[in-house]
């Protein structure tokens, strides 16, 4: 049994994780610990507080007791908002606090793109435009080329968590561009685990979503490869 730990802010789309665990269909357990979200706002000052070291370290003891072998900070905006270097420091501090390999959803996106050999991307974000632009800048710092960025202007994770497939497809269509090699949906508050196959079929390219890549990143940290076609191209390259 491989136990993977996730620090997830508040409550919105955390039910993606038991769905993903079922789709993996192997000896893998996904343990989700909820961190204090503070103010639920996709606003830079609130996001910086959400990803502060004390808030992340508060959940690591429970993950250690659960036997987690790696931990991922399951929040994209609460990591890329620190910038490229700051997000690295956030992960280093988390690894030190947890005593195990650590990463964040922001790095999960960049590592997944690298693993797939893709560079040109389109970003369909639920965030306000200024926050979506910060994610695009983070991707650019990693070496990706962002061809299109669309922000939906949603302020709270609570509202994002109410979105269904229709809203997800509409947002994705607004950002999609033919030249992009992959389409990215970066919010872990957005339910996407049930929609990945539909998204990839609709846009005819790999689609990377926050909770999907977060799980893949935790597997990467533990040197696990899982074939799960329901979770898209990222989980079907390695049979």
C-alpha atoms as a PDB file:
ATOM      1  CA  UNK A   1       0.000   0.000   0.000  1.00  0.00           C
ATOM      2  CA  UNK A   2       1.280   3.439  -0.990  1.00  0.00           C
ATOM      3  CA  UNK A   3      -0.178   6.250   1.110  1.00  0.00           C
ATOM      4  CA  UNK A   4      -0.158   9.738  -0.420  1.00  0.00           C
ATOM      5  CA  UNK A   5      -0.812  12.852   1.649  1.00  0.00           C
ATOM      6  CA  UNK A   6      -2.568  16.020   0.535  1.00  0.00           C
ATOM      7  CA  UNK A   7      -3.020  19.295   2.375  1.00  0.00           C
ATOM      8  CA  UNK A   8      -6.228  20.744   0.974  1.00  0.00           C
ATOM      9  CA  UNK A   9      -7.480  24.243   1.886  1.00  0.00           C
ATOM     10  CA  UNK A  10     -11.034  24.336   3.202  1.00  0.00           C
ATOM     11  CA  UNK A  11     -13.869  22.403   1.564  1.00  0.00           C
ATOM     12  CA  UNK A  12     -14.919  22.678  -2.067  1.00  0.00           C
ATOM     13  CA  UNK A  13     -13.856  19.901  -4.484  1.00  0.00           C
ATOM     14  CA  UNK A  14     -12.059  17.531  -2.117  1.00  0.00           C
ATOM     15  CA  UNK A  15     -14.444  14.753  -3.182  1.00  0.00           C
ATOM     16  CA  UNK A  16     -12.394  14.573  -6.392  1.00  0.00           C
ATOM     17  CA  UNK A  17      -9.799  12.637  -4.370  1.00  0.00           C
ATOM     18  CA  UNK A  18     -11.899   9.588  -3.401  1.00  0.00           C
ATOM     19  CA  UNK A  19     -13.125   9.529  -7.011  1.00  0.00           C
ATOM     20  CA  UNK A  20      -9.532   9.567  -8.268  1.00  0.00           C
ATOM     21  CA  UNK A  21      -8.517   6.928  -5.726  1.00  0.00           C
ATOM     22  CA  UNK A  22     -11.240   4.662  -7.098  1.00  0.00           C
ATOM     23  CA  UNK A  23     -10.139   5.283 -10.683  1.00  0.00           C
ATOM     24  CA  UNK A  24      -6.532   4.419  -9.857  1.00  0.00           C
ATOM     25  CA  UNK A  25      -7.744   0.970  -8.941  1.00  0.00           C
ATOM     26  CA  UNK A  26      -4.506  -0.068  -7.245  1.00  0.00           C
ATOM     27  CA  UNK A  27      -2.934  -0.317  -3.802  1.00  0.00           C
ATOM     28  CA  UNK A  28      -2.840   3.464  -3.413  1.00  0.00           C
ATOM     29  CA  UNK A  29      -4.520   5.466  -0.667  1.00  0.00           C
ATOM     30  CA  UNK A  30      -5.120   9.207  -0.904  1.00  0.00           C
ATOM     31  CA  UNK A  31      -5.226  10.891   2.518  1.00  0.00           C
ATOM     32  CA  UNK A  32      -6.670  14.412   2.462  1.00  0.00           C
ATOM     33  CA  UNK A  33      -6.119  16.742   5.416  1.00  0.00           C
ATOM     34  CA  UNK A  34      -7.920  20.072   5.418  1.00  0.00           C
ATOM     35  CA  UNK A  35      -5.964  23.217   6.207  1.00  0.00           C
ATOM     36  CA  UNK A  36      -7.323  26.510   7.493  1.00  0.00           C
ATOM     37  CA  UNK A  37      -8.398  28.482   4.440  1.00  0.00           C
ATOM     38  CA  UNK A  38      -8.666  31.751   6.347  1.00  0.00           C
ATOM     39  CA  UNK A  39     -10.500  34.224   4.129  1.00  0.00           C
ATOM     40  CA  UNK A  40     -11.991  32.453   1.116  1.00  0.00           C
ATOM     41  CA  UNK A  41     -10.834  34.851  -1.582  1.00  0.00           C
ATOM     42  CA  UNK A  42      -8.850  34.560  -4.788  1.00  0.00           C
ATOM     43  CA  UNK A  43      -6.998  37.727  -3.823  1.00  0.00           C
ATOM     44  CA  UNK A  44      -3.233  37.964  -3.517  1.00  0.00           C
ATOM     45  CA  UNK A  45      -3.084  38.965   0.150  1.00  0.00           C
ATOM     46  CA  UNK A  46      -5.538  36.251   1.185  1.00  0.00           C
ATOM     47  CA  UNK A  47      -3.727  33.625  -0.898  1.00  0.00           C
ATOM     48  CA  UNK A  48      -0.366  34.471   0.660  1.00  0.00           C
ATOM     49  CA  UNK A  49      -1.862  33.922   4.116  1.00  0.00           C
ATOM     50  CA  UNK A  50      -3.514  30.671   3.000  1.00  0.00           C
ATOM     51  CA  UNK A  51      -0.153  29.208   1.973  1.00  0.00           C
ATOM     52  CA  UNK A  52       1.804  30.416   4.996  1.00  0.00           C
ATOM     53  CA  UNK A  53       4.155  27.869   6.644  1.00  0.00           C
ATOM     54  CA  UNK A  54       2.235  27.683   9.925  1.00  0.00           C
ATOM     55  CA  UNK A  55      -1.001  26.786   8.154  1.00  0.00           C
ATOM     56  CA  UNK A  56       0.654  24.027   6.149  1.00  0.00           C
ATOM     57  CA  UNK A  57       2.671  22.580   9.009  1.00  0.00           C
ATOM     58  CA  UNK A  58      -0.465  22.258  11.147  1.00  0.00           C
ATOM     59  CA  UNK A  59      -1.650  19.297   9.076  1.00  0.00           C
ATOM     60  CA  UNK A  60       1.543  17.325   8.627  1.00  0.00           C
ATOM     61  CA  UNK A  61       1.452  15.405  11.906  1.00  0.00           C
ATOM     62  CA  UNK A  62      -1.868  13.822  10.947  1.00  0.00           C
ATOM     63  CA  UNK A  63      -0.379  12.785   7.610  1.00  0.00           C
ATOM     64  CA  UNK A  64       2.643  11.248   9.331  1.00  0.00           C
ATOM     65  CA  UNK A  65       0.343   9.253  11.609  1.00  0.00           C
ATOM     66  CA  UNK A  66      -1.571   8.067   8.528  1.00  0.00           C
ATOM     67  CA  UNK A  67       1.677   6.723   7.090  1.00  0.00           C
ATOM     68  CA  UNK A  68       1.931   9.158   4.182  1.00  0.00           C
ATOM     69  CA  UNK A  69       5.080   8.704   2.093  1.00  0.00           C
ATOM     70  CA  UNK A  70       4.845  12.100   0.375  1.00  0.00           C
ATOM     71  CA  UNK A  71       2.809  15.274   0.745  1.00  0.00           C
ATOM     72  CA  UNK A  72       1.502  17.759  -1.794  1.00  0.00           C
ATOM     73  CA  UNK A  73       0.090  21.194  -0.967  1.00  0.00           C
ATOM     74  CA  UNK A  74      -3.109  20.817  -2.968  1.00  0.00           C
ATOM     75  CA  UNK A  75      -3.584  24.466  -3.796  1.00  0.00           C
ATOM     76  CA  UNK A  76      -2.430  26.095  -7.009  1.00  0.00           C
ATOM     77  CA  UNK A  77      -3.143  29.742  -6.239  1.00  0.00           C
ATOM     78  CA  UNK A  78      -1.758  29.384  -2.718  1.00  0.00           C
ATOM     79  CA  UNK A  79       1.590  28.350  -4.208  1.00  0.00           C
ATOM     80  CA  UNK A  80       2.180  30.220  -7.494  1.00  0.00           C
ATOM     81  CA  UNK A  81       1.188  33.487  -5.802  1.00  0.00           C
ATOM     82  CA  UNK A  82       4.598  33.328  -4.091  1.00  0.00           C
ATOM     83  CA  UNK A  83       6.383  33.421  -7.448  1.00  0.00           C
ATOM     84  CA  UNK A  84       8.829  30.870  -8.832  1.00  0.00           C
ATOM     85  CA  UNK A  85      11.468  31.178  -6.091  1.00  0.00           C
ATOM     86  CA  UNK A  86       8.972  31.709  -3.291  1.00  0.00           C
ATOM     87  CA  UNK A  87       7.024  28.593  -4.284  1.00  0.00           C
ATOM     88  CA  UNK A  88      10.249  26.586  -4.145  1.00  0.00           C
ATOM     89  CA  UNK A  89      10.911  27.888  -0.649  1.00  0.00           C
ATOM     90  CA  UNK A  90       7.344  27.009   0.378  1.00  0.00           C
ATOM     91  CA  UNK A  91       7.879  23.403  -0.721  1.00  0.00           C
ATOM     92  CA  UNK A  92      11.288  23.173   0.964  1.00  0.00           C
ATOM     93  CA  UNK A  93       9.758  24.356   4.241  1.00  0.00           C
ATOM     94  CA  UNK A  94       6.900  21.872   3.903  1.00  0.00           C
ATOM     95  CA  UNK A  95       9.288  18.972   3.262  1.00  0.00           C
ATOM     96  CA  UNK A  96      11.325  19.939   6.319  1.00  0.00           C
ATOM     97  CA  UNK A  97       8.227  20.233   8.486  1.00  0.00           C
ATOM     98  CA  UNK A  98       6.711  16.977   7.232  1.00  0.00           C
ATOM     99  CA  UNK A  99       9.912  14.954   7.100  1.00  0.00           C
ATOM    100  CA  UNK A 100       8.980  13.535   3.705  1.00  0.00           C
ATOM    101  CA  UNK A 101       9.147  14.513   0.012  1.00  0.00           C
ATOM    102  CA  UNK A 102       6.870  17.465  -0.708  1.00  0.00           C
ATOM    103  CA  UNK A 103       5.546  19.498  -3.595  1.00  0.00           C
ATOM    104  CA  UNK A 104       2.604  21.698  -4.570  1.00  0.00           C
ATOM    105  CA  UNK A 105      -0.029  21.761  -7.289  1.00  0.00           C
ATOM    106  CA  UNK A 106       1.779  24.568  -9.106  1.00  0.00           C
ATOM    107  CA  UNK A 107       4.873  22.395  -9.528  1.00  0.00           C
ATOM    108  CA  UNK A 108       2.634  19.445 -10.372  1.00  0.00           C
ATOM    109  CA  UNK A 109       1.550  21.343 -13.485  1.00  0.00           C
ATOM    110  CA  UNK A 110       5.073  22.195 -14.575  1.00  0.00           C
ATOM    111  CA  UNK A 111       6.364  18.676 -13.887  1.00  0.00           C
ATOM    112  CA  UNK A 112       3.436  17.105 -15.734  1.00  0.00           C
ATOM    113  CA  UNK A 113       4.075  19.284 -18.787  1.00  0.00           C
ATOM    114  CA  UNK A 114       7.724  18.314 -18.738  1.00  0.00           C
ATOM    115  CA  UNK A 115       6.858  14.627 -18.417  1.00  0.00           C
ATOM    116  CA  UNK A 116       4.468  14.837 -21.363  1.00  0.00           C
ATOM    117  CA  UNK A 117       7.028  16.753 -23.416  1.00  0.00           C
ATOM    118  CA  UNK A 118       4.648  19.687 -23.910  1.00  0.00           C
ATOM    119  CA  UNK A 119       5.440  23.391 -23.841  1.00  0.00           C
ATOM    120  CA  UNK A 120       2.687  25.468 -25.495  1.00  0.00           C
ATOM    121  CA  UNK A 121      -0.368  25.766 -23.248  1.00  0.00           C
ATOM    122  CA  UNK A 122      -3.696  27.490 -22.822  1.00  0.00           C
ATOM    123  CA  UNK A 123      -4.927  28.357 -19.321  1.00  0.00           C
ATOM    124  CA  UNK A 124      -8.603  28.245 -18.344  1.00  0.00           C
ATOM    125  CA  UNK A 125      -8.710  29.598 -14.780  1.00  0.00           C
ATOM    126  CA  UNK A 126     -11.652  30.248 -12.495  1.00  0.00           C
ATOM    127  CA  UNK A 127      -9.665  33.088 -10.897  1.00  0.00           C
ATOM    128  CA  UNK A 128      -9.894  36.834 -11.440  1.00  0.00           C
ATOM    129  CA  UNK A 129      -7.687  37.988 -14.316  1.00  0.00           C
ATOM    130  CA  UNK A 130      -4.862  39.327 -12.120  1.00  0.00           C
ATOM    131  CA  UNK A 131      -4.499  35.989 -10.318  1.00  0.00           C
ATOM    132  CA  UNK A 132      -4.756  34.023 -13.579  1.00  0.00           C
ATOM    133  CA  UNK A 133      -1.953  36.198 -14.944  1.00  0.00           C
ATOM    134  CA  UNK A 134       0.257  35.225 -11.992  1.00  0.00           C
ATOM    135  CA  UNK A 135      -0.249  31.556 -12.848  1.00  0.00           C
ATOM    136  CA  UNK A 136       0.695  32.262 -16.459  1.00  0.00           C
ATOM    137  CA  UNK A 137       3.853  34.011 -15.234  1.00  0.00           C
ATOM    138  CA  UNK A 138       4.703  30.985 -13.072  1.00  0.00           C
ATOM    139  CA  UNK A 139       4.345  28.680 -16.069  1.00  0.00           C
ATOM    140  CA  UNK A 140       6.504  30.995 -18.149  1.00  0.00           C
ATOM    141  CA  UNK A 141       9.207  30.902 -15.465  1.00  0.00           C
ATOM    142  CA  UNK A 142       9.190  27.106 -15.776  1.00  0.00           C
ATOM    143  CA  UNK A 143       9.864  27.307 -19.512  1.00  0.00           C
ATOM    144  CA  UNK A 144       6.320  26.897 -20.787  1.00  0.00           C
ATOM    145  CA  UNK A 145       4.843  29.169 -23.446  1.00  0.00           C
ATOM    146  CA  UNK A 146       1.390  30.427 -22.485  1.00  0.00           C
ATOM    147  CA  UNK A 147      -0.599  31.129 -25.657  1.00  0.00           C
ATOM    148  CA  UNK A 148      -3.905  32.010 -24.012  1.00  0.00           C
ATOM    149  CA  UNK A 149      -5.107  32.861 -20.509  1.00  0.00           C
ATOM    150  CA  UNK A 150      -8.745  33.239 -19.518  1.00  0.00           C
ATOM    151  CA  UNK A 151      -9.880  34.118 -15.999  1.00  0.00           C
ATOM    152  CA  UNK A 152     -13.518  33.625 -15.013  1.00  0.00           C
ATOM    153  CA  UNK A 153     -13.414  36.226 -12.251  1.00  0.00           C
ATOM    154  CA  UNK A 154     -14.648  33.945  -9.461  1.00  0.00           C
ATOM    155  CA  UNK A 155     -13.593  35.218  -6.044  1.00  0.00           C
ATOM    156  CA  UNK A 156     -14.357  32.297  -3.721  1.00  0.00           C
ATOM    157  CA  UNK A 157     -13.479  28.612  -3.763  1.00  0.00           C
ATOM    158  CA  UNK A 158     -16.959  27.927  -2.390  1.00  0.00           C
ATOM    159  CA  UNK A 159     -18.539  29.238  -5.593  1.00  0.00           C
ATOM    160  CA  UNK A 160     -16.072  27.362  -7.801  1.00  0.00           C
ATOM    161  CA  UNK A 161     -16.974  24.154  -5.984  1.00  0.00           C
ATOM    162  CA  UNK A 162     -20.576  24.431  -7.194  1.00  0.00           C
ATOM    163  CA  UNK A 163     -19.609  24.295 -10.887  1.00  0.00           C
ATOM    164  CA  UNK A 164     -20.575  21.284 -12.967  1.00  0.00           C
ATOM    165  CA  UNK A 165     -19.535  19.934 -16.343  1.00  0.00           C
ATOM    166  CA  UNK A 166     -21.330  22.610 -18.362  1.00  0.00           C
ATOM    167  CA  UNK A 167     -19.492  25.465 -16.634  1.00  0.00           C
ATOM    168  CA  UNK A 168     -16.170  23.630 -16.859  1.00  0.00           C
ATOM    169  CA  UNK A 169     -16.567  23.076 -20.611  1.00  0.00           C
ATOM    170  CA  UNK A 170     -17.607  26.687 -21.178  1.00  0.00           C
ATOM    171  CA  UNK A 171     -14.546  28.000 -19.361  1.00  0.00           C
ATOM    172  CA  UNK A 172     -12.259  25.597 -21.217  1.00  0.00           C
ATOM    173  CA  UNK A 173     -13.716  26.634 -24.574  1.00  0.00           C
ATOM    174  CA  UNK A 174     -13.087  30.293 -23.790  1.00  0.00           C
ATOM    175  CA  UNK A 175      -9.365  29.639 -23.311  1.00  0.00           C
ATOM    176  CA  UNK A 176      -8.756  26.891 -25.875  1.00  0.00           C
ATOM    177  CA  UNK A 177      -6.612  27.748 -28.873  1.00  0.00           C
ATOM    178  CA  UNK A 178      -5.643  25.358 -31.692  1.00  0.00           C
ATOM    179  CA  UNK A 179      -1.898  25.959 -31.312  1.00  0.00           C
ATOM    180  CA  UNK A 180      -1.832  24.985 -27.632  1.00  0.00           C
ATOM    181  CA  UNK A 181      -0.459  21.509 -26.985  1.00  0.00           C
ATOM    182  CA  UNK A 182      -2.296  21.225 -23.671  1.00  0.00           C
ATOM    183  CA  UNK A 183      -5.184  22.883 -21.859  1.00  0.00           C
ATOM    184  CA  UNK A 184      -4.711  23.667 -18.150  1.00  0.00           C
ATOM    185  CA  UNK A 185      -7.448  24.176 -15.533  1.00  0.00           C
ATOM    186  CA  UNK A 186      -5.547  25.203 -12.399  1.00  0.00           C
ATOM    187  CA  UNK A 187      -8.053  25.466  -9.516  1.00  0.00           C
ATOM    188  CA  UNK A 188      -8.199  22.614  -6.957  1.00  0.00           C
ATOM    189  CA  UNK A 189     -11.603  23.996  -5.884  1.00  0.00           C
ATOM    190  CA  UNK A 190     -12.974  22.960  -9.290  1.00  0.00           C
ATOM    191  CA  UNK A 191     -14.512  19.504  -9.741  1.00  0.00           C
ATOM    192  CA  UNK A 192     -12.820  18.012 -12.793  1.00  0.00           C
ATOM    193  CA  UNK A 193     -12.059  14.341 -12.099  1.00  0.00           C
ATOM    194  CA  UNK A 194     -15.332  13.254 -13.710  1.00  0.00           C
ATOM    195  CA  UNK A 195     -14.854  15.473 -16.770  1.00  0.00           C
ATOM    196  CA  UNK A 196     -11.292  14.837 -17.965  1.00  0.00           C
ATOM    197  CA  UNK A 197     -12.171  12.345 -20.684  1.00  0.00           C
ATOM    198  CA  UNK A 198     -14.919  14.632 -22.005  1.00  0.00           C
ATOM    199  CA  UNK A 199     -12.539  17.603 -21.998  1.00  0.00           C
ATOM    200  CA  UNK A 200      -9.817  15.737 -23.875  1.00  0.00           C
ATOM    201  CA  UNK A 201     -12.288  14.405 -26.429  1.00  0.00           C
ATOM    202  CA  UNK A 202     -13.835  17.852 -26.910  1.00  0.00           C
ATOM    203  CA  UNK A 203     -10.554  19.717 -27.381  1.00  0.00           C
ATOM    204  CA  UNK A 204      -8.504  16.870 -28.852  1.00  0.00           C
ATOM    205  CA  UNK A 205      -5.441  17.456 -26.672  1.00  0.00           C
ATOM    206  CA  UNK A 206      -4.152  16.583 -23.195  1.00  0.00           C
ATOM    207  CA  UNK A 207      -6.037  18.367 -20.440  1.00  0.00           C
ATOM    208  CA  UNK A 208      -4.358  18.932 -17.093  1.00  0.00           C
ATOM    209  CA  UNK A 209      -6.563  19.762 -14.127  1.00  0.00           C
ATOM    210  CA  UNK A 210      -5.543  20.676 -10.605  1.00  0.00           C
ATOM    211  CA  UNK A 211      -6.625  17.661  -8.566  1.00  0.00           C
ATOM    212  CA  UNK A 212      -5.540  15.297 -11.345  1.00  0.00           C
ATOM    213  CA  UNK A 213      -1.986  16.672 -11.541  1.00  0.00           C
ATOM    214  CA  UNK A 214      -1.771  16.948  -7.750  1.00  0.00           C
ATOM    215  CA  UNK A 215      -2.381  13.210  -7.462  1.00  0.00           C
ATOM    216  CA  UNK A 216       0.089  12.494 -10.276  1.00  0.00           C
ATOM    217  CA  UNK A 217       2.716  14.615  -8.503  1.00  0.00           C
ATOM    218  CA  UNK A 218       2.324  12.666  -5.264  1.00  0.00           C
ATOM    219  CA  UNK A 219       2.747   9.441  -7.231  1.00  0.00           C
ATOM    220  CA  UNK A 220       5.842  10.879  -8.899  1.00  0.00           C
ATOM    221  CA  UNK A 221       7.347  11.692  -5.498  1.00  0.00           C
ATOM    222  CA  UNK A 222       6.967   8.033  -4.517  1.00  0.00           C
ATOM    223  CA  UNK A 223       8.192   6.684  -7.885  1.00  0.00           C
ATOM    224  CA  UNK A 224       4.816   5.189  -8.737  1.00  0.00           C
ATOM    225  CA  UNK A 225       3.359   5.021 -12.259  1.00  0.00           C
ATOM    226  CA  UNK A 226      -0.308   4.136 -12.680  1.00  0.00           C
ATOM    227  CA  UNK A 227      -2.257   3.489 -15.861  1.00  0.00           C
ATOM    228  CA  UNK A 228      -5.710   5.074 -15.430  1.00  0.00           C
ATOM    229  CA  UNK A 229      -7.151   6.144 -18.800  1.00  0.00           C
ATOM    230  CA  UNK A 230     -10.198   7.742 -17.159  1.00  0.00           C
ATOM    231  CA  UNK A 231      -7.803  10.375 -15.787  1.00  0.00           C
ATOM    232  CA  UNK A 232      -6.592  11.421 -19.217  1.00  0.00           C
ATOM    233  CA  UNK A 233      -3.377  11.434 -21.221  1.00  0.00           C
ATOM    234  CA  UNK A 234      -1.249  12.147 -18.161  1.00  0.00           C
ATOM    235  CA  UNK A 235      -2.213   8.757 -16.742  1.00  0.00           C
ATOM    236  CA  UNK A 236      -2.115   6.750 -19.980  1.00  0.00           C
ATOM    237  CA  UNK A 237       1.407   7.408 -21.310  1.00  0.00           C
ATOM    238  CA  UNK A 238       2.901   4.848 -18.926  1.00  0.00           C
ATOM    239  CA  UNK A 239       1.076   1.542 -19.039  1.00  0.00           C
END
